[in-house]
C-alpha cells in the first residue's frame, strides 16, 4: 500500500488532476452501471478482507492524523469522530459486508403499467451517475460512501478532510484493491489526493461537468459553502439540532434511559440530542431526575428558569442555545406547556433532521409523528438511531433534510434515479 503524502499543490495542478479524476470516474461509471451484482459483491467483500488484513497500517495512519489533530488543538468531540481503534476498523469491514449483502437496487422494476394503445411501460431504477462526497473528520465515510456508491452502480469522487487525510488514504487503498480483485475499474472509487481546499472548489464546480450530485458530510460551515457554491444538485443537512420531548404521559425510567443515550452515547454524531423539552405537567416528577442523570454522565446543562430551579448546577440558557448544535457533552433544557408548544419549539428552532417523543400516550405520539416535519421522527426510541446502518441500509452516505429526491438516511436505494422502458408493437402517435 503506497503511503499518502500531504502536500500543498498549485491550484492549476489541482484543477487538472481533479478534472482528470472526474473524467476517469465518468468512464468507470459506464462500466459499473452494467456490472453484474456478483461482481460488485466480490469487490466489497474483498475490500472488507483487505481492511482486516491491513488494520495495523490503518491504525498507524489514524494515529498520525490524531497526533496532528491534537497538536492543532482539535476538540475532544472532534478527535472522537476522527479516532479509529480495532473495534471501529472491524465495524467498517462489517459495514462493507452488510452493504454487499443488500439486494442490488439497479434494475429494480418500480412500476409497470399498460396503456390502452398496447404500450407496456416500466419505471426502472438506474444509478445517479458520478457522486461527489466532501467530508471532514470521519474516516469511515470513505468506506461507507465508496461501498454505497459501488453497490448502487455509481462512481464516486471522495474528498476527505485534511484532518483525516492519512486514515482515509489507507481505507481507500483497501477499496481500490477490492475493485481490482473483482475486475472493476479502480477509478470507480476515486479519492482526491490533495489536502488543498482548492480540490473542494473544483468539485463544487462539477469537475468539468462529470459530477451529477454532491453529498457534503461535515460541519455547518462546510455544508453552507457547498449549498451556496455548488453548481450541481446537493444532498445535505446543514446541522442536526435534534430534540427529545418528554411528554406528560412518559414513563420516567424509559425517559431517563432514552434521553441519556440520545445525548451521551456519542455526542459528536448528527443524531445526538441537543435540546430536551419536558412537558410542564411532567416537570415536577421528571425534570430533576432527567437533569441529574445527564450530569452524572458528564453533561453540562443550559436551561430555562424551571430547569435552573430543579438543579443549581444548571446554567442559564440564552436564545442562541435553542439554535445550537453542540456536538459536545452539552444540552439545552426547556419546560413547555403542552405537546403543541413542543411541536412549535421544534418547528421554530429545529433543523428538520431528527426529533423524538417519549410518551405512553399513543394519540400524543401519533400527533407528534404526523406534525413534526423532520426527516426522522421517533417514538420511545433514542435519536441516535438516526443512522443508515440502524435503518438496515448497511450504511449511509449522509442524512438528507431537504425535500427533493431523498430524505433521511441516503442509502443504496436513494442513490438511484429511474428511467422508463417502453415496449411496443408498431404503435405510432396519431
Foldseek 3Di string as FASTA:
>chain_A
DDAADEDDDPLVVLLVVLLVLLVVLLVLLVVLQPDDLVLLLQLLLQLLVVLVVCVVVLQVLLVVLLVVCVVVPHDPLLNVQQHDDVVNSNLLSVLSNLLSPDPQQFFDFPDWDADPVGKIKTKTWTFLEEEEEEEERHLSLLSQVLSQCSSLSYAYEYEYAPSNLRSNVVSLVSSLVSCVVSVGDSSSHHYSSYNDCSNVVCVLAPSVVSHAEYEYYYALVVVVCSVVRHPHHYFYFNAQAEEEEEELQFDQVLVLVQLLCLAPVRLQDRLRHAEYEYAPNNCVPHLLVNVVSLVVSPAAEAEDPSSCVSDVSHHHDDPVSLQDSPSDRYHYYYYDHHLVRVLVSCVVRGRLAEYEYGHPDVVSRVVCVPRRRHLYYYYSHHSVCQFCVSVSLSGASHAGGDDPQDHGGHGNNSSIDIDMDMDDDPDDDD
